[in-house]
C-alpha atoms as a PDB file:
ATOM      1  CA  MET A   1     255.868 167.771 233.626  1.00  0.00           C
ATOM      2  CA  LEU A   2     252.769 167.523 235.800  1.00  0.00           C
ATOM      3  CA  ALA A   3     251.752 164.249 234.164  1.00  0.00           C
ATOM      4  CA  SER A   4     255.226 162.799 234.759  1.00  0.00           C
ATOM      5  CA  ALA A   5     255.145 163.851 238.422  1.00  0.00           C
ATOM      6  CA  ILE A   6     251.721 162.257 238.901  1.00  0.00           C
ATOM      7  CA  GLY A   7     252.910 159.065 237.210  1.00  0.00           C
ATOM      8  CA  LEU A   8     255.945 158.906 239.487  1.00  0.00           C
ATOM      9  CA  LEU A   9     253.845 159.532 242.607  1.00  0.00           C
ATOM     10  CA  ALA A  10     251.357 156.871 241.504  1.00  0.00           C
ATOM     11  CA  ALA A  11     254.153 154.335 240.971  1.00  0.00           C
ATOM     12  CA  VAL A  12     255.600 155.080 244.417  1.00  0.00           C
ATOM     13  CA  PHE A  13     252.173 154.761 246.012  1.00  0.00           C
ATOM     14  CA  VAL A  14     251.411 151.423 244.356  1.00  0.00           C
ATOM     15  CA  PHE A  15     254.778 149.682 244.720  1.00  0.00           C
ATOM     16  CA  ALA A  16     256.508 151.212 247.767  1.00  0.00           C
ATOM     17  CA  GLY A  17     256.615 148.563 250.489  1.00  0.00           C
ATOM     18  CA  ALA A  18     254.245 146.287 248.587  1.00  0.00           C
ATOM     19  CA  GLY A  19     256.746 143.445 248.239  1.00  0.00           C
ATOM     20  CA  MET A  20     255.428 142.864 244.700  1.00  0.00           C
ATOM     21  CA  ASP A  21     252.320 141.237 246.198  1.00  0.00           C
ATOM     22  CA  PHE A  22     250.038 141.100 243.157  1.00  0.00           C
ATOM     23  CA  ASP A  23     247.493 138.927 244.967  1.00  0.00           C
ATOM     24  CA  TYR A  24     246.295 141.412 247.580  1.00  0.00           C
ATOM     25  CA  VAL A  25     248.392 144.519 248.336  1.00  0.00           C
ATOM     26  CA  ILE A  26     248.890 145.930 244.840  1.00  0.00           C
ATOM     27  CA  PRO A  27     245.264 145.339 243.683  1.00  0.00           C
ATOM     28  CA  LYS A  28     244.044 147.114 246.821  1.00  0.00           C
ATOM     29  CA  ARG A  29     246.363 150.031 246.165  1.00  0.00           C
ATOM     30  CA  LEU A  30     245.273 150.237 242.541  1.00  0.00           C
ATOM     31  CA  GLN A  31     241.691 150.375 243.780  1.00  0.00           C
ATOM     32  CA  ARG A  32     242.527 153.272 246.076  1.00  0.00           C
ATOM     33  CA  LEU A  33     244.501 154.950 243.296  1.00  0.00           C
ATOM     34  CA  ALA A  34     241.405 154.843 241.102  1.00  0.00           C
ATOM     35  CA  GLY A  35     239.460 156.471 243.933  1.00  0.00           C
ATOM     36  CA  MET A  36     242.067 159.245 244.138  1.00  0.00           C
ATOM     37  CA  GLY A  37     241.822 159.811 240.398  1.00  0.00           C
ATOM     38  CA  LEU A  38     238.035 160.017 240.361  1.00  0.00           C
ATOM     39  CA  GLY A  39     237.917 162.086 243.548  1.00  0.00           C
ATOM     40  CA  GLY A  40     240.534 164.527 242.260  1.00  0.00           C
ATOM     41  CA  ILE A  41     238.701 164.994 238.960  1.00  0.00           C
ATOM     42  CA  CYS A  42     235.401 165.587 240.761  1.00  0.00           C
ATOM     43  CA  VAL A  43     236.849 168.084 243.252  1.00  0.00           C
ATOM     44  CA  ALA A  44     238.727 170.069 240.603  1.00  0.00           C
ATOM     45  CA  LEU A  45     235.973 170.162 237.986  1.00  0.00           C
ATOM     46  CA  SER A  46     233.169 170.969 240.420  1.00  0.00           C
ATOM     47  CA  SER A  47     235.104 173.763 242.150  1.00  0.00           C
ATOM     48  CA  MET A  48     236.403 175.391 238.972  1.00  0.00           C
ATOM     49  CA  LEU A  49     233.042 175.188 237.211  1.00  0.00           C
ATOM     50  CA  PHE A  50     231.330 176.662 240.264  1.00  0.00           C
ATOM     51  CA  GLN A  51     233.786 179.532 240.490  1.00  0.00           C
ATOM     52  CA  THR A  52     233.268 180.268 236.793  1.00  0.00           C
ATOM     53  CA  LEU A  53     229.502 180.475 237.294  1.00  0.00           C
ATOM     54  CA  VAL A  54     229.599 182.707 240.377  1.00  0.00           C
ATOM     55  CA  GLY A  55     232.644 184.756 239.334  1.00  0.00           C
ATOM     56  CA  ASN A  56     234.341 184.271 242.694  1.00  0.00           C
ATOM     57  CA  ARG A  57     237.541 182.351 243.469  1.00  0.00           C
ATOM     58  CA  ILE A  58     236.964 181.817 247.184  1.00  0.00           C
ATOM     59  CA  LEU A  59     233.709 179.864 246.919  1.00  0.00           C
ATOM     60  CA  THR A  60     233.212 176.135 246.439  1.00  0.00           C
ATOM     61  CA  PRO A  61     230.084 173.997 245.920  1.00  0.00           C
ATOM     62  CA  ALA A  62     230.160 173.260 249.663  1.00  0.00           C
ATOM     63  CA  VAL A  63     228.234 176.508 250.241  1.00  0.00           C
ATOM     64  CA  MET A  64     225.277 174.900 248.450  1.00  0.00           C
ATOM     65  CA  GLY A  65     224.955 172.280 251.194  1.00  0.00           C
ATOM     66  CA  TYR A  66     225.683 169.076 249.261  1.00  0.00           C
ATOM     67  CA  GLU A  67     228.143 167.747 251.812  1.00  0.00           C
ATOM     68  CA  ALA A  68     225.867 168.821 254.671  1.00  0.00           C
ATOM     69  CA  VAL A  69     223.127 166.634 253.142  1.00  0.00           C
ATOM     70  CA  PHE A  70     225.544 163.701 253.022  1.00  0.00           C
ATOM     71  CA  LEU A  71     226.633 164.080 256.655  1.00  0.00           C
ATOM     72  CA  LEU A  72     223.065 164.583 257.893  1.00  0.00           C
ATOM     73  CA  TRP A  73     221.938 161.431 256.051  1.00  0.00           C
ATOM     74  CA  GLN A  74     224.763 159.396 257.575  1.00  0.00           C
ATOM     75  CA  ALA A  75     223.962 160.755 261.032  1.00  0.00           C
ATOM     76  CA  LEU A  76     220.239 159.953 260.722  1.00  0.00           C
ATOM     77  CA  LEU A  77     221.049 156.481 259.442  1.00  0.00           C
ATOM     78  CA  LEU A  78     223.205 155.820 262.482  1.00  0.00           C
ATOM     79  CA  LEU A  79     220.563 157.264 264.820  1.00  0.00           C
ATOM     80  CA  LEU A  80     217.684 155.226 263.411  1.00  0.00           C
ATOM     81  CA  LEU A  81     219.380 151.962 262.446  1.00  0.00           C
ATOM     82  CA  GLY A  82     222.750 152.056 264.188  1.00  0.00           C
ATOM     83  CA  THR A  83     225.895 150.655 262.646  1.00  0.00           C
ATOM     84  CA  HIS A  84     223.803 147.738 261.358  1.00  0.00           C
ATOM     85  CA  GLY A  85     222.012 150.211 259.099  1.00  0.00           C
ATOM     86  CA  LEU A  86     225.228 151.097 257.317  1.00  0.00           C
ATOM     87  CA  ALA A  87     226.142 147.423 257.034  1.00  0.00           C
ATOM     88  CA  SER A  88     222.702 146.456 255.678  1.00  0.00           C
ATOM     89  CA  LEU A  89     222.941 149.000 252.867  1.00  0.00           C
ATOM     90  CA  GLY A  90     226.405 147.869 251.888  1.00  0.00           C
ATOM     91  CA  SER A  91     228.951 150.068 250.143  1.00  0.00           C
ATOM     92  CA  GLY A  92     227.077 150.008 246.833  1.00  0.00           C
ATOM     93  CA  GLY A  93     223.688 150.752 248.371  1.00  0.00           C
ATOM     94  CA  GLY A  94     225.042 153.508 250.592  1.00  0.00           C
ATOM     95  CA  PHE A  95     226.781 155.095 247.624  1.00  0.00           C
ATOM     96  CA  ALA A  96     223.633 155.006 245.479  1.00  0.00           C
ATOM     97  CA  VAL A  97     221.358 156.411 248.186  1.00  0.00           C
ATOM     98  CA  SER A  98     223.817 159.196 249.084  1.00  0.00           C
ATOM     99  CA  VAL A  99     224.189 160.250 245.452  1.00  0.00           C
ATOM    100  CA  ALA A 100     220.415 160.155 244.927  1.00  0.00           C
ATOM    101  CA  LEU A 101     219.792 162.312 248.012  1.00  0.00           C
ATOM    102  CA  MET A 102     222.305 164.969 247.009  1.00  0.00           C
ATOM    103  CA  LEU A 103     221.025 165.074 243.435  1.00  0.00           C
ATOM    104  CA  GLY A 104     217.439 165.314 244.684  1.00  0.00           C
ATOM    105  CA  TYR A 105     218.404 168.144 247.029  1.00  0.00           C
ATOM    106  CA  SER A 106     220.098 169.992 244.173  1.00  0.00           C
ATOM    107  CA  TRP A 107     217.106 169.538 241.867  1.00  0.00           C
ATOM    108  CA  VAL A 108     214.614 170.809 244.470  1.00  0.00           C
ATOM    109  CA  LEU A 109     216.820 173.792 245.293  1.00  0.00           C
ATOM    110  CA  GLN A 110     217.189 174.749 241.651  1.00  0.00           C
ATOM    111  CA  GLN A 111     213.537 174.242 240.754  1.00  0.00           C
ATOM    112  CA  TRP A 112     212.306 176.291 243.696  1.00  0.00           C
ATOM    113  CA  LEU A 113     214.806 179.136 243.625  1.00  0.00           C
ATOM    114  CA  MET A 114     215.286 179.479 239.876  1.00  0.00           C
ATOM    115  CA  ARG A 115     211.568 179.975 239.442  1.00  0.00           C
ATOM    116  CA  ARG A 116     211.057 182.270 242.429  1.00  0.00           C
ATOM    117  CA  GLY A 117     214.294 184.194 242.076  1.00  0.00           C
ATOM    118  CA  GLY A 118     214.384 184.691 238.336  1.00  0.00           C
ATOM    119  CA  ASN A 119     217.599 182.676 237.893  1.00  0.00           C
ATOM    120  CA  ASP A 120     219.347 184.700 240.585  1.00  0.00           C
ATOM    121  CA  ILE A 121     222.347 182.539 241.437  1.00  0.00           C
ATOM    122  CA  TYR A 122     223.302 184.787 244.370  1.00  0.00           C
ATOM    123  CA  LEU A 123     219.946 184.132 246.014  1.00  0.00           C
ATOM    124  CA  MET A 124     220.575 180.413 245.589  1.00  0.00           C
ATOM    125  CA  LEU A 125     224.025 180.785 247.150  1.00  0.00           C
ATOM    126  CA  LEU A 126     222.550 182.620 250.139  1.00  0.00           C
ATOM    127  CA  VAL A 127     219.820 180.025 250.655  1.00  0.00           C
ATOM    128  CA  GLY A 128     222.347 177.206 250.190  1.00  0.00           C
ATOM    129  CA  LEU A 129     224.615 178.725 252.835  1.00  0.00           C
ATOM    130  CA  VAL A 130     221.733 179.046 255.306  1.00  0.00           C
ATOM    131  CA  LEU A 131     220.617 175.467 254.640  1.00  0.00           C
ATOM    132  CA  THR A 132     224.191 174.276 255.151  1.00  0.00           C
ATOM    133  CA  MET A 133     224.278 175.842 258.618  1.00  0.00           C
ATOM    134  CA  VAL A 134     220.832 174.482 259.479  1.00  0.00           C
ATOM    135  CA  MET A 135     221.704 170.939 258.403  1.00  0.00           C
ATOM    136  CA  GLY A 136     225.035 171.204 260.222  1.00  0.00           C
ATOM    137  CA  THR A 137     223.154 172.117 263.400  1.00  0.00           C
ATOM    138  CA  PHE A 138     220.812 169.141 262.997  1.00  0.00           C
ATOM    139  CA  THR A 139     223.821 166.880 262.437  1.00  0.00           C
ATOM    140  CA  GLN A 140     225.401 168.111 265.671  1.00  0.00           C
ATOM    141  CA  PHE A 141     222.109 167.495 267.477  1.00  0.00           C
ATOM    142  CA  VAL A 142     222.023 163.931 266.178  1.00  0.00           C
ATOM    143  CA  GLN A 143     225.618 163.417 267.294  1.00  0.00           C
ATOM    144  CA  LEU A 144     224.525 164.075 270.874  1.00  0.00           C
ATOM    145  CA  SER A 145     221.918 161.324 270.609  1.00  0.00           C
ATOM    146  CA  ILE A 146     224.060 158.444 269.342  1.00  0.00           C
ATOM    147  CA  SER A 147     226.440 156.149 271.188  1.00  0.00           C
ATOM    148  CA  PRO A 148     230.193 156.816 271.369  1.00  0.00           C
ATOM    149  CA  GLY A 149     230.851 153.940 268.966  1.00  0.00           C
ATOM    150  CA  GLU A 150     228.392 155.313 266.421  1.00  0.00           C
ATOM    151  CA  PHE A 151     229.869 158.776 266.889  1.00  0.00           C
ATOM    152  CA  ALA A 152     233.313 157.382 266.001  1.00  0.00           C
ATOM    153  CA  VAL A 153     231.821 155.860 262.846  1.00  0.00           C
ATOM    154  CA  LEU A 154     230.238 159.194 261.923  1.00  0.00           C
ATOM    155  CA  GLN A 155     233.540 160.987 262.468  1.00  0.00           C
ATOM    156  CA  GLY A 156     235.184 158.551 260.081  1.00  0.00           C
ATOM    157  CA  VAL A 157     232.497 159.151 257.468  1.00  0.00           C
ATOM    158  CA  GLY A 158     233.102 162.900 257.711  1.00  0.00           C
ATOM    159  CA  GLN A 159     236.782 162.523 256.792  1.00  0.00           C
ATOM    160  CA  THR A 160     238.280 162.163 253.326  1.00  0.00           C
ATOM    161  CA  SER A 161     239.402 158.540 253.089  1.00  0.00           C
ATOM    162  CA  PHE A 162     240.362 156.255 250.231  1.00  0.00           C
ATOM    163  CA  GLN A 163     239.953 153.158 252.378  1.00  0.00           C
ATOM    164  CA  ARG A 164     236.194 153.123 251.771  1.00  0.00           C
ATOM    165  CA  VAL A 165     236.553 152.836 247.971  1.00  0.00           C
ATOM    166  CA  ARG A 166     235.049 149.579 246.707  1.00  0.00           C
ATOM    167  CA  PRO A 167     235.097 148.039 243.198  1.00  0.00           C
ATOM    168  CA  GLU A 168     231.306 148.112 242.864  1.00  0.00           C
ATOM    169  CA  THR A 169     231.174 151.830 243.661  1.00  0.00           C
ATOM    170  CA  LEU A 170     234.105 152.639 241.390  1.00  0.00           C
ATOM    171  CA  ALA A 171     232.201 151.396 238.354  1.00  0.00           C
ATOM    172  CA  TRP A 172     229.164 153.599 238.996  1.00  0.00           C
ATOM    173  CA  ALA A 173     231.321 156.563 239.973  1.00  0.00           C
ATOM    174  CA  SER A 174     233.322 156.190 236.754  1.00  0.00           C
ATOM    175  CA  LEU A 175     230.141 156.304 234.685  1.00  0.00           C
ATOM    176  CA  GLY A 176     228.947 159.477 236.414  1.00  0.00           C
ATOM    177  CA  VAL A 177     232.302 161.226 236.065  1.00  0.00           C
ATOM    178  CA  LEU A 178     232.669 160.140 232.422  1.00  0.00           C
ATOM    179  CA  ALA A 179     229.229 161.488 231.534  1.00  0.00           C
ATOM    180  CA  ALA A 180     229.838 164.811 233.308  1.00  0.00           C
ATOM    181  CA  THR A 181     233.283 165.318 231.774  1.00  0.00           C
ATOM    182  CA  ALA A 182     231.945 164.508 228.314  1.00  0.00           C
ATOM    183  CA  VAL A 183     229.304 167.240 228.610  1.00  0.00           C
ATOM    184  CA  VAL A 184     231.866 169.717 229.929  1.00  0.00           C
ATOM    185  CA  TYR A 185     234.273 168.900 227.089  1.00  0.00           C
ATOM    186  CA  ARG A 186     231.608 169.502 224.451  1.00  0.00           C
ATOM    187  CA  THR A 187     230.708 172.898 225.931  1.00  0.00           C
ATOM    188  CA  LEU A 188     234.173 174.290 226.729  1.00  0.00           C
ATOM    189  CA  PRO A 189     233.743 177.367 224.463  1.00  0.00           C
ATOM    190  CA  VAL A 190     230.505 178.200 226.272  1.00  0.00           C
ATOM    191  CA  LEU A 191     232.342 178.127 229.610  1.00  0.00           C
ATOM    192  CA  ASP A 192     234.894 180.612 228.327  1.00  0.00           C
ATOM    193  CA  VAL A 193     232.080 182.993 227.399  1.00  0.00           C
ATOM    194  CA  MET A 194     230.172 182.500 230.669  1.00  0.00           C
ATOM    195  CA  ALA A 195     233.312 183.422 232.597  1.00  0.00           C
ATOM    196  CA  LEU A 196     232.751 186.971 231.311  1.00  0.00           C
ATOM    197  CA  GLY A 197     229.490 187.291 233.271  1.00  0.00           C
ATOM    198  CA  ARG A 198     225.768 187.004 232.632  1.00  0.00           C
ATOM    199  CA  ASP A 199     225.173 190.149 230.572  1.00  0.00           C
ATOM    200  CA  PRO A 200     228.225 189.740 228.295  1.00  0.00           C
ATOM    201  CA  SER A 201     227.289 186.084 227.757  1.00  0.00           C
ATOM    202  CA  ILE A 202     223.754 186.955 226.695  1.00  0.00           C
ATOM    203  CA  SER A 203     225.012 189.738 224.419  1.00  0.00           C
ATOM    204  CA  LEU A 204     227.329 187.221 222.730  1.00  0.00           C
ATOM    205  CA  GLY A 205     224.443 184.870 222.006  1.00  0.00           C
ATOM    206  CA  VAL A 206     224.845 182.317 224.803  1.00  0.00           C
ATOM    207  CA  PRO A 207     221.595 181.189 226.494  1.00  0.00           C
ATOM    208  CA  HIS A 208     223.042 181.873 229.925  1.00  0.00           C
ATOM    209  CA  ASP A 209     220.159 180.632 232.071  1.00  0.00           C
ATOM    210  CA  ARG A 210     219.904 177.296 230.274  1.00  0.00           C
ATOM    211  CA  TYR A 211     223.615 176.611 230.580  1.00  0.00           C
ATOM    212  CA  LEU A 212     223.579 177.793 234.189  1.00  0.00           C
ATOM    213  CA  ARG A 213     221.080 175.058 235.030  1.00  0.00           C
ATOM    214  CA  LEU A 214     223.108 172.504 233.088  1.00  0.00           C
ATOM    215  CA  TYR A 215     226.372 173.293 234.855  1.00  0.00           C
ATOM    216  CA  LEU A 216     224.753 173.383 238.277  1.00  0.00           C
ATOM    217  CA  ALA A 217     223.368 169.912 237.575  1.00  0.00           C
ATOM    218  CA  LEU A 218     226.821 168.698 236.513  1.00  0.00           C
ATOM    219  CA  ILE A 219     228.362 170.197 239.652  1.00  0.00           C
ATOM    220  CA  ALA A 220     225.780 168.368 241.761  1.00  0.00           C
ATOM    221  CA  VAL A 221     226.684 165.071 240.047  1.00  0.00           C
ATOM    222  CA  LEU A 222     230.418 165.601 240.572  1.00  0.00           C
ATOM    223  CA  VAL A 223     230.079 166.625 244.225  1.00  0.00           C
ATOM    224  CA  ALA A 224     227.678 163.763 244.940  1.00  0.00           C
ATOM    225  CA  VAL A 225     230.014 161.198 243.406  1.00  0.00           C
ATOM    226  CA  SER A 226     233.094 162.609 245.139  1.00  0.00           C
ATOM    227  CA  THR A 227     231.499 162.903 248.574  1.00  0.00           C
ATOM    228  CA  SER A 228     229.891 159.464 248.433  1.00  0.00           C
ATOM    229  CA  LEU A 229     233.088 157.852 247.157  1.00  0.00           C
ATOM    230  CA  ILE A 230     235.849 159.373 249.305  1.00  0.00           C
ATOM    231  CA  GLY A 231     234.091 161.728 251.726  1.00  0.00           C
ATOM    232  CA  PRO A 232     233.985 165.542 252.009  1.00  0.00           C
ATOM    233  CA  ALA A 233     236.926 167.399 250.457  1.00  0.00           C
ATOM    234  CA  ALA A 234     235.417 170.805 249.767  1.00  0.00           C
ATOM    235  CA  PHE A 235     238.124 173.132 251.039  1.00  0.00           C
ATOM    236  CA  MET A 236     240.652 171.578 248.703  1.00  0.00           C
ATOM    237  CA  GLY A 237     238.777 172.962 245.710  1.00  0.00           C
ATOM    238  CA  ILE A 238     239.740 176.544 246.622  1.00  0.00           C
ATOM    239  CA  PHE A 239     243.396 175.559 246.784  1.00  0.00           C
ATOM    240  CA  VAL A 240     243.326 173.715 243.451  1.00  0.00           C
ATOM    241  CA  ALA A 241     241.523 176.496 241.605  1.00  0.00           C
ATOM    242  CA  ASN A 242     243.824 179.229 242.905  1.00  0.00           C
ATOM    243  CA  ILE A 243     246.935 177.173 242.120  1.00  0.00           C
ATOM    244  CA  VAL A 244     245.732 176.781 238.534  1.00  0.00           C
ATOM    245  CA  HIS A 245     244.913 180.476 238.195  1.00  0.00           C
ATOM    246  CA  ALA A 246     248.360 181.354 239.574  1.00  0.00           C
ATOM    247  CA  TRP A 247     250.113 179.046 237.116  1.00  0.00           C
ATOM    248  CA  ALA A 248     247.993 179.929 234.101  1.00  0.00           C
ATOM    249  CA  PRO A 249     246.117 183.171 234.840  1.00  0.00           C
ATOM    250  CA  ARG A 250     244.850 183.671 231.289  1.00  0.00           C
ATOM    251  CA  ALA A 251     244.341 180.063 230.277  1.00  0.00           C
ATOM    252  CA  ARG A 252     241.035 178.968 228.802  1.00  0.00           C
ATOM    253  CA  HIS A 253     239.022 176.170 230.318  1.00  0.00           C
ATOM    254  CA  ARG A 254     240.426 173.717 227.764  1.00  0.00           C
ATOM    255  CA  THR A 255     243.754 174.116 229.566  1.00  0.00           C
ATOM    256  CA  SER A 256     242.810 175.080 233.107  1.00  0.00           C
ATOM    257  CA  LEU A 257     240.367 172.229 233.799  1.00  0.00           C
ATOM    258  CA  PRO A 258     242.785 169.366 232.947  1.00  0.00           C
ATOM    259  CA  LEU A 259     245.507 171.194 234.858  1.00  0.00           C
ATOM    260  CA  GLY A 260     243.233 171.460 237.887  1.00  0.00           C
ATOM    261  CA  CYS A 261     242.411 167.747 237.723  1.00  0.00           C
ATOM    262  CA  GLY A 262     246.121 166.910 237.643  1.00  0.00           C
ATOM    263  CA  VAL A 263     246.859 169.176 240.602  1.00  0.00           C
ATOM    264  CA  ALA A 264     244.031 167.641 242.653  1.00  0.00           C
ATOM    265  CA  VAL A 265     245.122 164.058 241.961  1.00  0.00           C
ATOM    266  CA  GLY A 266     248.730 164.981 242.791  1.00  0.00           C
ATOM    267  CA  ILE A 267     247.681 166.525 246.112  1.00  0.00           C
ATOM    268  CA  PHE A 268     245.737 163.404 247.057  1.00  0.00           C
ATOM    269  CA  LEU A 269     248.720 161.213 246.197  1.00  0.00           C
ATOM    270  CA  VAL A 270     251.185 163.303 248.196  1.00  0.00           C
ATOM    271  CA  ALA A 271     248.824 163.477 251.189  1.00  0.00           C
ATOM    272  CA  GLN A 272     248.228 159.714 251.162  1.00  0.00           C
ATOM    273  CA  LEU A 273     251.956 158.962 250.877  1.00  0.00           C
ATOM    274  CA  LEU A 274     252.659 161.250 253.829  1.00  0.00           C
ATOM    275  CA  VAL A 275     249.921 159.616 255.896  1.00  0.00           C
ATOM    276  CA  GLU A 276     251.247 156.133 255.202  1.00  0.00           C
ATOM    277  CA  HIS A 277     255.028 156.502 255.126  1.00  0.00           C
ATOM    278  CA  VAL A 278     255.790 159.605 257.195  1.00  0.00           C
ATOM    279  CA  PHE A 279     253.051 159.866 259.832  1.00  0.00           C
ATOM    280  CA  HIS A 280     252.265 156.127 259.867  1.00  0.00           C
ATOM    281  CA  TYR A 281     248.498 156.708 259.984  1.00  0.00           C
ATOM    282  CA  ARG A 282     248.722 159.014 263.023  1.00  0.00           C
ATOM    283  CA  THR A 283     246.952 161.683 260.981  1.00  0.00           C
ATOM    284  CA  THR A 284     244.477 161.763 258.103  1.00  0.00           C
ATOM    285  CA  VAL A 285     244.359 163.036 254.550  1.00  0.00           C
ATOM    286  CA  THR A 286     241.716 165.572 255.575  1.00  0.00           C
ATOM    287  CA  ILE A 287     243.942 167.116 258.255  1.00  0.00           C
ATOM    288  CA  LEU A 288     246.937 167.409 255.942  1.00  0.00           C
ATOM    289  CA  VAL A 289     244.929 168.819 253.049  1.00  0.00           C
ATOM    290  CA  ASN A 290     243.100 171.359 255.221  1.00  0.00           C
ATOM    291  CA  LEU A 291     246.350 172.410 256.907  1.00  0.00           C
ATOM    292  CA  VAL A 292     248.232 173.009 253.656  1.00  0.00           C
ATOM    293  CA  CYS A 293     245.266 174.475 251.764  1.00  0.00           C
ATOM    294  CA  GLY A 294     244.302 176.722 254.668  1.00  0.00           C
ATOM    295  CA  ALA A 295     247.852 178.045 255.045  1.00  0.00           C
ATOM    296  CA  TYR A 296     248.111 178.724 251.316  1.00  0.00           C
ATOM    297  CA  PHE A 297     244.716 180.429 251.232  1.00  0.00           C
ATOM    298  CA  LEU A 298     245.629 182.657 254.190  1.00  0.00           C
ATOM    299  CA  ALA A 299     248.941 183.578 252.528  1.00  0.00           C
ATOM    300  CA  LEU A 300     247.080 184.350 249.300  1.00  0.00           C
ATOM    301  CA  ILE A 301     244.682 186.710 251.067  1.00  0.00           C
ATOM    302  CA  LEU A 302     247.452 188.474 252.987  1.00  0.00           C
ATOM    303  CA  ARG A 303     249.542 188.866 249.823  1.00  0.00           C
ATOM    304  CA  ASN A 304     246.634 190.385 247.932  1.00  0.00           C
ATOM    305  CA  ARG A 305     245.973 192.839 250.782  1.00  0.00           C
ATOM    306  CA  SER A 306     249.590 193.919 251.133  1.00  0.00           C
ATOM    307  CA  PRO A 307     250.406 197.390 249.716  1.00  0.00           C
ATOM    308  CA  ALA A 308     252.173 197.488 246.377  1.00  0.00           C
END
């Protein structure tokens, strides 16, 4: 049923109001549809993997600071080189540099904290949260030093948008997502065991620390690709993961992960259709997603706190 709904939404998105223009309009929409698919897969997989590792359903990889690194890099690029700096890199160069920076940040964070903290993931979460706030403060400082035009560009970069998807970036993003999903697929039984916690995993023969490093690296790849391709969409991961757990509370990762990917892609499609055909571009995908996801998350918390 979910696959049929996504197919119907995709058909409406591609052909509604296109006038069967196969020379320009429909190819552009197919390009954006591919960006929605890759972005949805990245958001769902990264959030659900992260929540499995930390054992908490209200956290997303955003607390590690990946998106803060992306926004700080874009702000510094505008400060030092202006809008010409973004143009000189091009979409492919900007995508590659952004991904490399976020992966490098993740590697340094893991190497430093895993060695000093004895594979304490909670210490890494705490440090990641502090670094996120610090980098956010630096980004705000840079915003005060750039021109109004550059500030408008930076605001656009900080929003989830499928308009920035380009064919050259789609190819590289597809390779990264394909590699990450292949590794996840081959280790699905390990994920089911790691969901039990560190001590039960070790007692069942799973080398927990080694797989923890592997999955954190995969999460970094997925978040880097998603953020560089379509922009920050962290809060949506909480919504997707909790929807999946509500629909299939006891499902294994073999079922829950594909379901989460489908839910994420469907949300992107619905949000984009509303932006185009209902609000006529007077709002953004980010605003709609954060509004709906925030309302659902608040309702979820209040429901769980209500007396039986």
